[in-house]
N, C-alpha and C. Protein backbone atom coordinates (compact mmCIF):
# COMPACT_ATOMS: atom_id res chain seq x y z
N UNK A 1 19.09 -53.29 8.65
CA UNK A 1 19.30 -53.51 7.08
C UNK A 1 19.06 -52.19 6.31
N UNK A 2 20.14 -52.29 5.59
CA UNK A 2 20.32 -50.92 4.42
C UNK A 2 19.08 -50.75 3.52
N UNK A 3 18.67 -49.89 3.11
CA UNK A 3 17.63 -49.69 2.12
C UNK A 3 18.24 -49.17 0.83
N UNK A 4 17.98 -49.99 -0.54
CA UNK A 4 18.42 -49.98 -1.68
C UNK A 4 18.05 -48.34 -2.31
N UNK A 5 16.42 -47.91 -2.13
CA UNK A 5 16.22 -46.60 -2.85
C UNK A 5 15.49 -45.95 -1.68
N UNK A 6 15.54 -44.45 -2.12
CA UNK A 6 14.77 -43.45 -1.67
C UNK A 6 13.65 -43.42 -2.19
N UNK A 7 13.81 -43.04 -3.59
CA UNK A 7 12.61 -42.97 -4.29
C UNK A 7 12.44 -43.83 -5.59
N UNK A 8 11.84 -44.99 -5.86
CA UNK A 8 11.87 -45.87 -6.54
C UNK A 8 12.02 -45.54 -8.10
N UNK A 9 11.51 -44.52 -8.35
CA UNK A 9 10.84 -43.93 -9.60
C UNK A 9 12.12 -43.14 -10.07
N UNK A 10 13.10 -42.58 -9.32
CA UNK A 10 14.39 -42.00 -9.91
C UNK A 10 15.58 -42.53 -9.78
N UNK A 11 16.36 -42.20 -10.51
CA UNK A 11 17.86 -42.50 -10.86
C UNK A 11 18.60 -41.72 -9.62
N UNK A 12 18.94 -42.43 -8.65
CA UNK A 12 19.39 -42.12 -7.29
C UNK A 12 21.22 -42.29 -7.37
N UNK A 13 21.50 -41.27 -6.70
CA UNK A 13 22.99 -41.34 -6.21
C UNK A 13 23.46 -41.01 -5.02
N UNK A 14 24.10 -41.94 -4.45
CA UNK A 14 24.73 -41.66 -3.03
C UNK A 14 25.74 -40.90 -3.03
N UNK A 15 25.85 -39.84 -2.19
CA UNK A 15 27.08 -39.27 -2.02
C UNK A 15 27.76 -39.39 -0.63
N UNK A 16 29.14 -39.49 -0.36
CA UNK A 16 29.64 -39.52 0.97
C UNK A 16 31.22 -38.82 0.84
N UNK A 17 31.49 -38.32 2.06
CA UNK A 17 33.10 -37.92 2.10
C UNK A 17 33.80 -38.55 2.82
N UNK A 18 35.12 -38.48 2.76
CA UNK A 18 36.25 -39.12 3.79
C UNK A 18 37.32 -38.16 4.20
N UNK A 19 37.75 -37.89 5.37
CA UNK A 19 38.90 -37.02 5.47
C UNK A 19 38.38 -35.96 6.05
N UNK A 20 37.23 -35.27 6.51
CA UNK A 20 37.04 -33.96 6.80
C UNK A 20 37.67 -33.82 8.18
N UNK A 21 37.79 -34.77 9.15
CA UNK A 21 38.56 -34.41 10.53
C UNK A 21 40.09 -34.43 10.59
N UNK A 22 40.55 -34.80 9.39
CA UNK A 22 42.15 -35.00 9.33
C UNK A 22 42.87 -33.83 9.49
N UNK A 23 44.06 -33.90 9.77
CA UNK A 23 44.99 -32.76 9.95
C UNK A 23 45.76 -32.56 8.73
N UNK A 24 46.00 -33.62 7.65
CA UNK A 24 46.79 -33.66 6.35
C UNK A 24 46.02 -34.03 5.54
N UNK A 25 46.45 -33.56 4.15
CA UNK A 25 45.66 -34.19 3.09
C UNK A 25 44.71 -33.68 2.68
N UNK A 26 44.41 -34.39 1.38
CA UNK A 26 43.07 -33.68 0.51
C UNK A 26 41.71 -34.51 1.30
N UNK A 27 40.56 -33.90 1.06
CA UNK A 27 39.31 -34.45 1.57
C UNK A 27 38.97 -35.33 0.60
N UNK A 28 38.53 -36.50 0.42
CA UNK A 28 37.75 -37.15 -0.86
C UNK A 28 36.30 -37.46 -0.72
N UNK A 29 35.60 -37.49 -1.64
CA UNK A 29 34.38 -37.75 -1.94
C UNK A 29 34.24 -38.62 -3.04
N UNK A 30 32.69 -39.47 -2.90
CA UNK A 30 32.46 -40.24 -3.84
C UNK A 30 31.18 -40.38 -4.23
N UNK A 31 30.49 -40.65 -5.65
CA UNK A 31 29.02 -40.58 -5.92
C UNK A 31 29.02 -41.94 -6.49
N UNK A 32 27.93 -42.74 -5.87
CA UNK A 32 27.61 -44.13 -6.48
C UNK A 32 26.22 -44.18 -7.02
N UNK A 33 25.64 -44.89 -8.31
CA UNK A 33 24.54 -45.08 -8.60
C UNK A 33 24.61 -46.58 -8.79
N UNK A 34 23.68 -47.09 -8.11
CA UNK A 34 23.47 -48.57 -7.99
C UNK A 34 22.13 -49.07 -8.73
N UNK A 35 22.26 -50.19 -9.19
CA UNK A 35 20.77 -50.63 -9.69
C UNK A 35 19.53 -50.53 -8.79
N UNK A 36 18.51 -50.51 -9.36
CA UNK A 36 17.35 -50.56 -8.76
C UNK A 36 17.13 -51.96 -7.91
N UNK A 37 16.96 -51.91 -6.74
CA UNK A 37 16.36 -53.19 -6.26
C UNK A 37 17.85 -53.77 -5.54
N UNK A 38 19.00 -53.24 -5.70
CA UNK A 38 20.37 -53.97 -5.38
C UNK A 38 20.29 -54.27 -3.94
N UNK A 39 20.80 -55.42 -3.56
CA UNK A 39 21.12 -56.30 -2.68
C UNK A 39 22.51 -56.37 -2.18
N UNK A 40 22.94 -56.27 -1.00
CA UNK A 40 24.28 -56.81 -0.91
C UNK A 40 24.40 -56.48 0.98
N UNK A 41 24.01 -57.71 1.58
CA UNK A 41 24.09 -57.89 2.87
C UNK A 41 25.37 -57.26 3.38
N UNK A 42 26.38 -57.53 2.88
CA UNK A 42 27.83 -56.98 3.59
C UNK A 42 28.12 -55.51 3.40
N UNK A 43 27.22 -55.13 2.61
CA UNK A 43 27.59 -53.52 2.68
C UNK A 43 26.91 -52.56 3.69
N UNK A 44 27.87 -51.66 4.14
CA UNK A 44 27.69 -50.92 5.47
C UNK A 44 28.63 -49.84 5.55
N UNK A 45 27.95 -48.77 6.04
CA UNK A 45 28.80 -47.70 6.55
C UNK A 45 30.42 -48.04 6.72
N UNK A 46 31.24 -47.31 6.10
CA UNK A 46 32.46 -47.73 5.97
C UNK A 46 33.47 -47.87 7.38
N UNK A 47 32.99 -46.98 8.17
CA UNK A 47 33.45 -47.17 9.52
C UNK A 47 33.32 -48.34 10.60
N UNK A 48 32.03 -49.04 9.91
CA UNK A 48 31.50 -50.18 10.83
C UNK A 48 32.60 -51.78 10.13
N UNK A 49 33.17 -51.23 8.96
CA UNK A 49 34.01 -52.32 8.39
C UNK A 49 35.47 -52.42 8.77
N UNK A 50 36.10 -53.43 8.64
CA UNK A 50 37.64 -53.58 8.83
C UNK A 50 38.30 -52.88 7.25
N UNK A 51 39.42 -52.77 7.20
CA UNK A 51 40.01 -52.25 5.93
C UNK A 51 40.28 -53.64 5.11
N UNK A 52 40.12 -54.74 5.40
CA UNK A 52 40.11 -55.49 4.36
C UNK A 52 38.70 -55.92 3.82
N UNK A 53 37.62 -55.72 4.41
CA UNK A 53 36.35 -55.60 4.03
C UNK A 53 36.12 -54.38 2.97
N UNK A 54 36.48 -53.36 3.49
CA UNK A 54 36.25 -52.21 2.73
C UNK A 54 37.00 -52.44 1.35
N UNK A 55 37.94 -52.90 1.33
CA UNK A 55 38.89 -52.86 -0.04
C UNK A 55 37.96 -54.20 -0.97
N UNK A 56 37.59 -55.35 -0.24
CA UNK A 56 37.06 -56.44 -0.83
C UNK A 56 35.47 -55.71 -1.42
N UNK A 57 35.08 -54.75 -0.90
CA UNK A 57 33.69 -54.31 -1.19
C UNK A 57 33.82 -53.28 -2.45
N UNK A 58 35.15 -52.75 -2.16
CA UNK A 58 35.21 -51.51 -3.18
C UNK A 58 35.32 -52.13 -4.71
N UNK A 59 35.79 -53.43 -4.92
CA UNK A 59 35.65 -54.07 -5.83
C UNK A 59 34.62 -54.55 -6.20
N UNK A 60 33.72 -54.89 -5.46
CA UNK A 60 32.25 -55.07 -5.55
C UNK A 60 31.37 -54.14 -6.02
N UNK A 61 31.55 -53.13 -5.46
CA UNK A 61 30.65 -51.70 -6.03
C UNK A 61 31.09 -51.21 -7.34
N UNK A 62 32.44 -51.29 -7.44
CA UNK A 62 32.83 -50.80 -8.77
C UNK A 62 32.35 -51.75 -10.08
N UNK A 63 32.05 -52.83 -9.60
CA UNK A 63 31.70 -53.97 -10.47
C UNK A 63 30.29 -53.48 -10.86
N UNK A 64 29.74 -53.62 -9.54
CA UNK A 64 28.00 -53.66 -9.86
C UNK A 64 27.38 -52.29 -9.99
N UNK A 65 28.14 -51.37 -9.73
CA UNK A 65 27.37 -50.06 -9.68
C UNK A 65 27.19 -49.48 -11.24
N UNK A 66 25.83 -48.97 -11.58
CA UNK A 66 25.89 -48.49 -12.96
C UNK A 66 26.69 -47.43 -13.29
N UNK A 67 26.98 -46.22 -12.11
CA UNK A 67 28.24 -45.50 -12.43
C UNK A 67 28.72 -45.22 -11.17
N UNK A 68 30.05 -44.78 -11.03
CA UNK A 68 30.62 -44.20 -9.63
C UNK A 68 31.76 -43.42 -10.11
N UNK A 69 32.12 -42.74 -9.52
CA UNK A 69 33.27 -41.59 -9.34
C UNK A 69 33.49 -41.23 -8.12
N UNK A 70 35.33 -40.86 -8.13
CA UNK A 70 35.75 -40.36 -6.62
C UNK A 70 36.30 -39.06 -7.08
N UNK A 71 36.35 -37.97 -6.25
CA UNK A 71 37.17 -36.67 -6.35
C UNK A 71 37.65 -36.32 -4.92
N UNK A 72 38.67 -35.28 -5.39
CA UNK A 72 39.24 -34.72 -4.08
C UNK A 72 39.44 -33.36 -4.17
N UNK A 73 39.96 -32.67 -2.97
CA UNK A 73 40.14 -31.17 -2.88
C UNK A 73 41.33 -31.22 -2.03
N UNK A 74 42.31 -30.48 -2.43
CA UNK A 74 43.51 -30.47 -1.83
C UNK A 74 43.58 -29.83 -0.39
N UNK A 75 44.55 -30.06 0.42
CA UNK A 75 44.90 -29.24 1.53
C UNK A 75 44.55 -27.83 1.48
N UNK A 76 45.29 -27.52 0.43
CA UNK A 76 45.50 -25.75 -0.05
C UNK A 76 44.13 -25.28 -0.18
N UNK A 77 43.22 -25.90 -0.97
CA UNK A 77 41.90 -25.56 -1.19
C UNK A 77 41.19 -25.37 0.31
N UNK A 78 41.44 -26.64 1.06
CA UNK A 78 40.68 -26.39 2.20
C UNK A 78 40.99 -25.32 3.06
N UNK A 79 42.27 -24.90 3.17
CA UNK A 79 42.56 -23.83 3.76
C UNK A 79 42.36 -22.38 3.35
N UNK A 80 41.92 -22.60 1.70
CA UNK A 80 41.46 -21.22 1.14
C UNK A 80 39.93 -21.09 1.09
N UNK A 81 39.41 -22.00 1.69
CA UNK A 81 37.72 -21.93 1.69
C UNK A 81 37.58 -22.36 3.26
N UNK A 82 37.15 -23.53 3.51
CA UNK A 82 37.05 -24.24 4.59
C UNK A 82 36.85 -25.69 4.29
N UNK A 83 36.99 -26.65 5.38
CA UNK A 83 36.68 -27.80 5.45
C UNK A 83 35.20 -28.45 4.76
N UNK A 84 34.17 -27.60 5.39
CA UNK A 84 32.91 -27.98 4.94
C UNK A 84 32.72 -27.72 3.28
N UNK A 85 33.15 -26.54 2.98
CA UNK A 85 33.18 -26.10 1.63
C UNK A 85 33.73 -26.94 0.59
N UNK A 86 34.67 -27.30 1.07
CA UNK A 86 35.77 -28.31 0.20
C UNK A 86 35.29 -29.53 0.14
N UNK A 87 34.47 -30.41 1.32
CA UNK A 87 33.85 -31.64 1.29
C UNK A 87 32.85 -31.60 0.29
N UNK A 88 31.91 -30.41 0.35
CA UNK A 88 30.87 -30.37 -0.67
C UNK A 88 31.39 -30.07 -2.03
N UNK A 89 32.34 -29.65 -2.02
CA UNK A 89 32.94 -29.03 -3.66
C UNK A 89 33.29 -30.63 -4.10
N UNK A 90 34.10 -31.45 -3.39
CA UNK A 90 34.58 -32.54 -3.72
C UNK A 90 33.20 -33.72 -4.15
N UNK A 91 32.26 -33.78 -3.19
CA UNK A 91 30.98 -34.26 -3.59
C UNK A 91 30.53 -33.76 -5.10
N UNK A 92 30.51 -32.55 -5.26
CA UNK A 92 30.06 -31.90 -6.71
C UNK A 92 30.98 -32.43 -7.61
N UNK A 93 32.02 -32.56 -7.37
CA UNK A 93 33.29 -32.94 -8.50
C UNK A 93 33.00 -34.18 -8.73
N UNK A 94 32.82 -35.01 -7.84
CA UNK A 94 32.35 -36.51 -8.31
C UNK A 94 31.11 -36.69 -8.95
N UNK A 95 30.08 -36.18 -8.46
CA UNK A 95 28.78 -36.18 -9.11
C UNK A 95 29.05 -36.05 -10.68
N UNK A 96 29.76 -34.99 -10.79
CA UNK A 96 30.09 -34.41 -12.37
C UNK A 96 30.70 -35.06 -13.18
N UNK A 97 31.53 -36.08 -12.43
CA UNK A 97 32.24 -37.12 -13.38
C UNK A 97 31.38 -38.40 -13.50
N UNK A 98 30.25 -38.48 -13.13
CA UNK A 98 29.39 -39.63 -13.40
C UNK A 98 29.10 -39.67 -14.72
N UNK A 99 29.15 -41.28 -15.69
CA UNK A 99 28.68 -41.05 -17.01
C UNK A 99 27.03 -41.57 -16.86
N UNK A 100 26.15 -41.25 -15.92
CA UNK A 100 24.90 -41.44 -16.04
C UNK A 100 24.27 -40.15 -15.25
N UNK A 101 23.58 -39.40 -15.72
CA UNK A 101 23.00 -38.36 -14.99
C UNK A 101 22.02 -38.59 -13.85
N UNK A 102 22.36 -38.59 -12.58
CA UNK A 102 21.43 -39.01 -11.49
C UNK A 102 20.28 -37.76 -11.61
N UNK A 103 19.22 -38.27 -10.97
CA UNK A 103 17.91 -37.59 -10.88
C UNK A 103 17.52 -36.94 -9.40
N UNK A 104 18.42 -37.60 -8.38
CA UNK A 104 18.18 -37.21 -7.03
C UNK A 104 19.39 -37.71 -6.36
N UNK A 105 20.08 -36.74 -5.63
CA UNK A 105 21.18 -37.15 -4.75
C UNK A 105 20.83 -37.23 -3.33
N UNK A 106 21.45 -38.47 -3.05
CA UNK A 106 21.17 -38.70 -1.37
C UNK A 106 22.51 -38.40 -0.58
N UNK A 107 22.59 -37.31 0.10
CA UNK A 107 24.02 -36.62 0.79
C UNK A 107 24.14 -37.30 2.20
N UNK A 108 25.21 -37.82 2.51
CA UNK A 108 25.32 -38.12 4.22
C UNK A 108 25.51 -36.84 4.55
N UNK A 109 24.74 -36.57 5.60
CA UNK A 109 24.98 -35.58 6.60
C UNK A 109 23.66 -34.84 6.69
N UNK A 110 23.78 -33.32 6.89
CA UNK A 110 22.69 -32.40 7.59
C UNK A 110 22.83 -31.20 6.29
N UNK A 111 23.77 -31.03 5.75
CA UNK A 111 23.75 -30.01 4.81
C UNK A 111 24.43 -30.12 3.50
N UNK A 112 24.11 -29.55 2.75
CA UNK A 112 24.76 -29.65 1.08
C UNK A 112 24.73 -28.55 0.56
N UNK A 113 26.01 -27.94 -0.29
CA UNK A 113 26.16 -27.05 -1.08
C UNK A 113 25.80 -27.43 -2.37
N UNK A 114 24.89 -27.53 -3.13
CA UNK A 114 24.61 -28.09 -4.35
C UNK A 114 25.13 -27.14 -5.22
N UNK A 115 26.16 -27.26 -6.29
CA UNK A 115 26.65 -26.75 -7.51
C UNK A 115 26.17 -26.77 -8.61
N UNK A 116 24.81 -27.76 -8.60
CA UNK A 116 24.00 -28.00 -9.72
C UNK A 116 22.52 -27.82 -9.67
N UNK A 117 21.85 -28.66 -10.57
CA UNK A 117 20.57 -28.34 -10.66
C UNK A 117 19.52 -29.88 -9.96
N UNK A 118 20.46 -30.61 -9.59
CA UNK A 118 19.85 -32.01 -9.24
C UNK A 118 19.27 -32.02 -7.96
N UNK A 119 17.98 -32.07 -7.88
CA UNK A 119 17.38 -31.95 -6.43
C UNK A 119 18.31 -33.02 -5.40
N UNK A 120 18.20 -32.84 -4.37
CA UNK A 120 18.78 -33.62 -3.13
C UNK A 120 18.32 -33.67 -1.97
N UNK A 121 18.33 -34.62 -1.16
CA UNK A 121 18.06 -34.72 0.20
C UNK A 121 19.37 -35.07 1.11
N UNK A 122 19.52 -34.44 2.21
CA UNK A 122 20.63 -34.61 3.42
C UNK A 122 19.93 -35.71 4.23
N UNK A 123 20.85 -36.66 4.59
CA UNK A 123 20.33 -37.89 5.48
C UNK A 123 21.61 -38.18 6.48
N UNK A 124 21.19 -37.51 7.63
CA UNK A 124 22.00 -37.59 8.83
C UNK A 124 22.30 -39.35 8.92
N UNK A 125 23.40 -39.80 9.04
CA UNK A 125 24.10 -40.96 9.22
C UNK A 125 23.72 -41.86 8.15
N UNK A 126 23.36 -41.24 6.85
CA UNK A 126 22.66 -41.83 5.76
C UNK A 126 23.87 -43.10 5.28
N UNK A 127 24.88 -43.08 5.60
CA UNK A 127 25.69 -44.44 5.17
C UNK A 127 25.40 -45.45 6.07
N UNK A 128 24.79 -45.60 6.95
CA UNK A 128 24.10 -46.60 7.71
C UNK A 128 22.87 -47.07 7.34
N UNK A 129 22.06 -46.23 6.28
CA UNK A 129 20.63 -46.30 6.18
C UNK A 129 20.46 -46.63 4.83
N UNK A 130 21.29 -45.99 3.62
CA UNK A 130 21.09 -46.31 2.26
C UNK A 130 22.37 -46.99 1.55
N UNK A 131 22.12 -47.98 0.95
CA UNK A 131 23.08 -48.89 0.22
C UNK A 131 24.01 -47.85 -0.69
N UNK A 132 23.39 -46.87 -1.44
CA UNK A 132 24.16 -45.94 -2.48
C UNK A 132 25.07 -44.98 -1.38
N UNK A 133 24.65 -44.66 -0.18
CA UNK A 133 25.51 -43.53 0.42
C UNK A 133 26.66 -44.75 0.89
N UNK A 134 26.29 -45.63 1.52
CA UNK A 134 27.36 -46.68 2.38
C UNK A 134 28.42 -47.05 1.08
N UNK A 135 27.86 -47.55 -0.14
CA UNK A 135 29.01 -47.63 -1.15
C UNK A 135 29.79 -46.29 -1.31
N UNK A 136 29.14 -45.15 -1.62
CA UNK A 136 30.18 -43.94 -1.75
C UNK A 136 31.06 -43.70 -0.32
N UNK A 137 30.72 -44.14 0.84
CA UNK A 137 31.46 -44.16 2.00
C UNK A 137 32.75 -44.94 1.81
N UNK A 138 32.43 -46.05 1.32
CA UNK A 138 33.60 -47.04 1.07
C UNK A 138 34.63 -46.81 0.04
N UNK A 139 34.32 -46.05 -1.08
CA UNK A 139 35.08 -45.65 -2.14
C UNK A 139 35.76 -44.53 -1.76
N UNK A 140 35.19 -43.56 -1.00
CA UNK A 140 35.90 -42.29 -0.52
C UNK A 140 36.85 -42.72 0.42
N UNK A 141 36.35 -43.56 1.37
CA UNK A 141 37.39 -43.91 2.38
C UNK A 141 38.73 -44.66 1.75
N UNK A 142 38.40 -45.51 0.80
CA UNK A 142 39.49 -46.59 0.36
C UNK A 142 40.59 -45.85 -0.50
N UNK A 143 39.72 -45.00 -1.25
CA UNK A 143 40.75 -43.80 -2.20
C UNK A 143 41.51 -43.03 -1.54
N UNK A 144 40.89 -42.72 -0.27
CA UNK A 144 41.90 -41.56 0.42
C UNK A 144 42.59 -42.38 1.11
N UNK A 145 42.31 -43.61 1.91
CA UNK A 145 43.57 -44.23 2.31
C UNK A 145 44.75 -44.59 1.46
N UNK A 146 44.49 -45.04 0.24
CA UNK A 146 45.59 -45.11 -0.63
C UNK A 146 46.40 -44.01 -0.78
N UNK A 147 45.72 -42.64 -0.91
CA UNK A 147 46.54 -41.59 -1.22
C UNK A 147 47.14 -41.34 0.03
N UNK A 148 46.85 -41.49 1.20
CA UNK A 148 47.42 -41.22 2.41
C UNK A 148 48.58 -42.10 2.66
N UNK A 149 48.43 -43.33 2.06
CA UNK A 149 49.64 -44.36 1.92
C UNK A 149 50.88 -43.82 1.35
N UNK A 150 50.48 -43.41 -0.04
CA UNK A 150 51.31 -42.97 -0.90
C UNK A 150 52.10 -41.60 -0.14
N UNK A 151 51.42 -40.66 0.26
CA UNK A 151 51.99 -39.61 1.05
C UNK A 151 52.98 -40.10 2.30
N UNK A 152 52.65 -41.28 2.85
CA UNK A 152 53.40 -41.82 3.74
C UNK A 152 54.89 -42.00 3.25
N UNK A 153 54.94 -42.52 2.20
CA UNK A 153 56.32 -42.93 1.54
C UNK A 153 57.43 -41.58 1.39
N UNK A 154 56.48 -40.44 1.28
CA UNK A 154 57.19 -39.15 1.21
C UNK A 154 57.33 -38.48 2.74
N UNK A 155 56.43 -38.76 3.58
CA UNK A 155 56.80 -38.30 4.99
C UNK A 155 56.45 -39.11 5.72
N UNK A 156 57.20 -40.21 5.83
CA UNK A 156 57.13 -41.40 6.78
C UNK A 156 57.02 -40.98 8.32
N UNK A 157 57.57 -39.95 8.89
CA UNK A 157 57.60 -39.81 10.15
C UNK A 157 56.31 -39.49 10.86
N UNK A 158 55.24 -38.99 10.15
CA UNK A 158 54.18 -38.87 10.62
C UNK A 158 53.05 -40.28 10.57
N UNK A 159 53.50 -41.19 10.25
CA UNK A 159 52.63 -42.36 10.42
C UNK A 159 51.57 -42.53 9.80
N UNK A 160 51.17 -41.80 8.50
CA UNK A 160 50.12 -41.66 8.00
C UNK A 160 49.40 -42.96 7.37
N UNK A 161 50.46 -43.91 7.14
CA UNK A 161 49.95 -45.34 6.66
C UNK A 161 49.31 -45.94 7.95
N UNK A 162 49.31 -45.49 8.84
CA UNK A 162 48.44 -46.11 10.09
C UNK A 162 47.23 -44.92 10.53
N UNK A 163 47.47 -43.73 10.64
CA UNK A 163 46.55 -42.62 11.22
C UNK A 163 45.83 -42.18 9.97
N UNK A 164 46.67 -42.09 8.80
CA UNK A 164 45.67 -41.61 7.57
C UNK A 164 45.57 -40.05 7.75
N UNK A 165 46.18 -39.53 8.57
CA UNK A 165 46.32 -38.01 8.52
C UNK A 165 45.28 -37.38 9.88
N UNK A 166 44.54 -38.54 10.59
CA UNK A 166 43.72 -38.21 11.53
C UNK A 166 44.39 -37.68 12.81
N UNK A 167 44.09 -36.79 13.63
CA UNK A 167 44.74 -36.22 14.90
C UNK A 167 44.74 -37.49 15.83
N UNK A 168 45.80 -38.17 15.73
CA UNK A 168 46.20 -38.89 16.76
C UNK A 168 47.26 -38.36 17.55
N UNK A 169 47.65 -39.16 18.83
CA UNK A 169 48.77 -38.80 19.68
C UNK A 169 50.13 -38.64 18.79
N UNK A 170 50.28 -39.84 18.28
CA UNK A 170 51.32 -40.08 17.50
C UNK A 170 51.56 -38.84 16.30
N UNK A 171 50.41 -38.46 15.70
CA UNK A 171 50.63 -37.38 14.58
C UNK A 171 50.94 -36.33 15.20
N UNK A 172 50.24 -35.66 16.47
CA UNK A 172 50.79 -34.82 17.22
C UNK A 172 52.01 -34.53 17.75
N UNK A 173 52.52 -35.66 17.96
CA UNK A 173 53.97 -35.79 18.64
C UNK A 173 54.93 -35.84 17.27
N UNK A 174 54.45 -35.98 16.12
CA UNK A 174 55.63 -35.72 15.19
C UNK A 174 55.24 -34.34 14.47
N UNK A 175 54.26 -33.72 14.54
CA UNK A 175 54.02 -32.17 14.02
C UNK A 175 55.08 -31.47 15.37
N UNK A 176 54.89 -32.02 16.58
CA UNK A 176 55.77 -30.95 17.54
C UNK A 176 57.29 -31.40 17.35
N UNK A 177 57.63 -32.52 16.87
CA UNK A 177 58.98 -32.42 16.40
C UNK A 177 59.49 -31.90 15.38
N UNK A 178 58.65 -32.42 14.21
CA UNK A 178 59.09 -32.21 12.88
C UNK A 178 58.56 -30.79 12.10
N UNK A 179 57.35 -30.45 12.58
CA UNK A 179 56.71 -29.21 11.98
C UNK A 179 55.73 -29.81 10.97
N UNK A 180 55.04 -29.12 10.37
CA UNK A 180 53.94 -29.37 9.57
C UNK A 180 54.64 -29.57 7.98
N UNK A 181 54.07 -30.31 7.18
CA UNK A 181 54.31 -30.55 5.69
C UNK A 181 53.68 -29.63 4.74
N UNK A 182 54.09 -29.53 3.47
CA UNK A 182 53.07 -28.74 2.53
C UNK A 182 51.67 -29.31 2.39
N UNK A 183 51.63 -30.62 2.97
CA UNK A 183 50.26 -31.06 2.77
C UNK A 183 49.44 -30.96 3.94
N UNK A 184 49.96 -30.20 5.23
CA UNK A 184 49.07 -30.19 6.24
C UNK A 184 48.37 -29.16 5.99
N UNK A 185 47.22 -29.40 6.87
CA UNK A 185 45.99 -28.03 6.52
C UNK A 185 46.43 -27.00 7.66
N UNK A 186 46.77 -25.90 7.28
CA UNK A 186 47.49 -24.88 8.27
C UNK A 186 46.25 -24.11 8.85
N UNK A 187 45.08 -24.20 8.50
CA UNK A 187 43.93 -23.65 9.26
C UNK A 187 43.46 -24.41 10.38
N UNK A 188 43.94 -25.75 10.49
CA UNK A 188 43.33 -26.48 11.69
C UNK A 188 44.47 -26.27 12.85
N UNK A 189 44.10 -26.73 13.83
CA UNK A 189 44.91 -26.63 15.20
C UNK A 189 45.98 -28.09 14.88
N UNK A 190 47.21 -27.44 14.57
CA UNK A 190 48.08 -28.56 14.46
C UNK A 190 49.07 -28.79 15.79
N UNK A 191 49.00 -28.11 16.60
CA UNK A 191 49.54 -28.34 18.07
C UNK A 191 48.72 -28.77 19.25
N UNK A 192 47.35 -28.82 18.79
CA UNK A 192 46.26 -29.19 20.09
C UNK A 192 46.73 -30.75 20.39
N UNK A 193 46.51 -31.02 21.41
CA UNK A 193 47.01 -32.21 22.15
C UNK A 193 45.23 -33.36 21.95
N UNK A 194 45.31 -34.19 21.62
CA UNK A 194 44.15 -35.07 21.51
C UNK A 194 43.61 -35.34 23.11
N UNK A 195 42.22 -35.31 22.97
CA UNK A 195 41.40 -35.54 24.14
C UNK A 195 41.64 -36.82 24.90
N UNK A 196 41.82 -36.81 26.19
CA UNK A 196 42.36 -37.91 27.05
C UNK A 196 40.85 -38.88 27.13
């Protein structure tokens, strides 16, 4: 069972990202503030849900959350810094867009580059432990999927409607045949074959 709060006396914001391991496209992040004692038995880490369940829950999260925001950092910026920095920057951008000021950040993972003054905790596999982080994981994932589906219209040969830019065999094969696009991450290994 996921927990709703880390510290019951503070306004908590859960944060997570999507698309860190992709070969193409922006990295997305979301920040979500849920009501105190919020409960939703269907809410879970986005990777444990079907695509249909994620989109259904996105509507629920956006309706029930006290505040939520989604932000992204482009492939070009990922290349100019690195994917970890870019992911953290996307989280900070999302936090900065919230219409309620959080008092504590719950960050999925084991590190965070804080660009503000709000205290934070990093929580390994936090999207499977805290509802606000699970909610952020769902928003980040679904909004990034929407973005990759749009890019698929422009570059259909890479199969981004299915692989969402991740390093699949089909994505590597398309790269070998057509080369990279302007939205590929040029600092990533674009010719590496996936592990068998």
